[in-house]
C-alpha atoms as a PDB file:
ATOM      1  CA  UNK A   1      -0.035  -0.014  -0.047  1.00  0.00           C
ATOM      2  CA  UNK A   2       1.421   3.479  -0.933  1.00  0.00           C
ATOM      3  CA  UNK A   3       1.039   5.562   1.802  1.00  0.00           C
ATOM      4  CA  UNK A   4       3.055   8.659   0.232  1.00  0.00           C
ATOM      5  CA  UNK A   5       1.287  11.840   0.138  1.00  0.00           C
ATOM      6  CA  UNK A   6       1.843  14.796  -2.093  1.00  0.00           C
ATOM      7  CA  UNK A   7       0.945  18.430  -1.102  1.00  0.00           C
ATOM      8  CA  UNK A   8       0.911  21.482  -3.218  1.00  0.00           C
ATOM      9  CA  UNK A   9       1.244  25.057  -2.063  1.00  0.00           C
ATOM     10  CA  UNK A  10      -1.556  27.784  -1.874  1.00  0.00           C
ATOM     11  CA  UNK A  11      -0.922  31.680  -1.625  1.00  0.00           C
ATOM     12  CA  UNK A  12      -2.894  34.515  -0.533  1.00  0.00           C
ATOM     13  CA  UNK A  13      -2.306  37.199  -3.239  1.00  0.00           C
ATOM     14  CA  UNK A  14      -4.392  40.143  -1.636  1.00  0.00           C
ATOM     15  CA  UNK A  15      -1.369  42.717  -1.004  1.00  0.00           C
ATOM     16  CA  UNK A  16      -3.509  44.184   2.122  1.00  0.00           C
ATOM     17  CA  UNK A  17      -3.241  40.958   3.649  1.00  0.00           C
ATOM     18  CA  UNK A  18      -0.453  40.265   6.250  1.00  0.00           C
ATOM     19  CA  UNK A  19      -0.583  36.537   5.147  1.00  0.00           C
ATOM     20  CA  UNK A  20      -0.068  37.295   1.377  1.00  0.00           C
ATOM     21  CA  UNK A  21       3.000  36.484  -0.600  1.00  0.00           C
ATOM     22  CA  UNK A  22       3.594  40.391  -0.590  1.00  0.00           C
ATOM     23  CA  UNK A  23       4.705  40.172   3.031  1.00  0.00           C
ATOM     24  CA  UNK A  24       6.852  36.832   2.497  1.00  0.00           C
ATOM     25  CA  UNK A  25       4.569  34.549   4.551  1.00  0.00           C
ATOM     26  CA  UNK A  26       5.009  30.770   4.215  1.00  0.00           C
ATOM     27  CA  UNK A  27       2.380  29.164   1.660  1.00  0.00           C
ATOM     28  CA  UNK A  28      -0.307  27.176   2.902  1.00  0.00           C
ATOM     29  CA  UNK A  29       0.164  23.331   2.099  1.00  0.00           C
ATOM     30  CA  UNK A  30      -2.722  21.504   1.032  1.00  0.00           C
ATOM     31  CA  UNK A  31      -3.059  17.830   0.040  1.00  0.00           C
ATOM     32  CA  UNK A  32      -2.844  17.215  -3.583  1.00  0.00           C
ATOM     33  CA  UNK A  33      -6.220  15.481  -4.303  1.00  0.00           C
ATOM     34  CA  UNK A  34      -9.048  15.915  -6.892  1.00  0.00           C
ATOM     35  CA  UNK A  35     -11.322  17.481  -4.399  1.00  0.00           C
ATOM     36  CA  UNK A  36      -8.865  20.081  -3.419  1.00  0.00           C
ATOM     37  CA  UNK A  37      -7.771  20.798  -6.838  1.00  0.00           C
ATOM     38  CA  UNK A  38     -11.578  21.568  -7.804  1.00  0.00           C
ATOM     39  CA  UNK A  39     -12.277  23.615  -4.718  1.00  0.00           C
ATOM     40  CA  UNK A  40     -11.809  27.169  -4.160  1.00  0.00           C
ATOM     41  CA  UNK A  41      -9.853  27.600  -0.882  1.00  0.00           C
ATOM     42  CA  UNK A  42      -9.983  30.961   1.327  1.00  0.00           C
ATOM     43  CA  UNK A  43      -7.220  32.661   3.356  1.00  0.00           C
ATOM     44  CA  UNK A  44      -7.742  32.419   6.680  1.00  0.00           C
ATOM     45  CA  UNK A  45      -6.867  36.271   7.504  1.00  0.00           C
ATOM     46  CA  UNK A  46      -8.836  37.939   4.926  1.00  0.00           C
ATOM     47  CA  UNK A  47     -11.127  35.607   3.587  1.00  0.00           C
ATOM     48  CA  UNK A  48     -10.135  36.156  -0.093  1.00  0.00           C
ATOM     49  CA  UNK A  49      -9.564  33.328  -2.842  1.00  0.00           C
ATOM     50  CA  UNK A  50      -6.203  31.602  -2.424  1.00  0.00           C
ATOM     51  CA  UNK A  51      -4.195  30.481  -5.626  1.00  0.00           C
ATOM     52  CA  UNK A  52      -1.384  28.067  -6.591  1.00  0.00           C
ATOM     53  CA  UNK A  53       1.398  28.354  -8.697  1.00  0.00           C
ATOM     54  CA  UNK A  54      -0.367  26.070 -11.198  1.00  0.00           C
ATOM     55  CA  UNK A  55      -3.300  28.466 -11.282  1.00  0.00           C
ATOM     56  CA  UNK A  56      -1.233  31.553 -11.775  1.00  0.00           C
ATOM     57  CA  UNK A  57       0.547  29.916 -14.631  1.00  0.00           C
ATOM     58  CA  UNK A  58      -2.568  28.899 -16.462  1.00  0.00           C
ATOM     59  CA  UNK A  59      -3.973  32.587 -16.020  1.00  0.00           C
ATOM     60  CA  UNK A  60      -0.668  33.882 -17.348  1.00  0.00           C
ATOM     61  CA  UNK A  61      -0.714  31.568 -20.391  1.00  0.00           C
ATOM     62  CA  UNK A  62      -4.582  32.269 -20.925  1.00  0.00           C
ATOM     63  CA  UNK A  63      -4.142  36.141 -20.553  1.00  0.00           C
ATOM     64  CA  UNK A  64      -1.303  36.202 -23.002  1.00  0.00           C
ATOM     65  CA  UNK A  65      -3.419  34.247 -25.402  1.00  0.00           C
ATOM     66  CA  UNK A  66      -6.216  36.577 -24.864  1.00  0.00           C
ATOM     67  CA  UNK A  67      -8.580  34.035 -23.126  1.00  0.00           C
ATOM     68  CA  UNK A  68     -10.423  34.745 -19.981  1.00  0.00           C
ATOM     69  CA  UNK A  69     -11.868  31.396 -18.441  1.00  0.00           C
ATOM     70  CA  UNK A  70     -15.287  32.053 -17.015  1.00  0.00           C
ATOM     71  CA  UNK A  71     -15.824  31.602 -13.469  1.00  0.00           C
ATOM     72  CA  UNK A  72     -12.261  32.241 -12.389  1.00  0.00           C
ATOM     73  CA  UNK A  73     -12.238  33.971  -9.089  1.00  0.00           C
ATOM     74  CA  UNK A  74      -8.651  35.339  -9.474  1.00  0.00           C
ATOM     75  CA  UNK A  75      -9.646  37.846 -12.426  1.00  0.00           C
ATOM     76  CA  UNK A  76     -11.351  39.885  -9.756  1.00  0.00           C
ATOM     77  CA  UNK A  77      -8.622  41.906  -8.183  1.00  0.00           C
ATOM     78  CA  UNK A  78     -10.748  44.457  -6.498  1.00  0.00           C
ATOM     79  CA  UNK A  79      -9.622  43.322  -2.911  1.00  0.00           C
END
């Protein structure tokens, strides 16, 4: 039986939050699972959606191509 767990990092990107990447806070580690990948996770401090490096890269690639993914909470930067 394989008991190895894989985690990935989530980041708060609200520049006004003390727990955000702008304040060099450690990322939140979360279990790499289908449920976690499909869920929106919120910062414990400011309650804004958190993002992962994977999501930031996807957003960057789609923005460069002029594509906006519907329902993506990370396009709204009005924190």
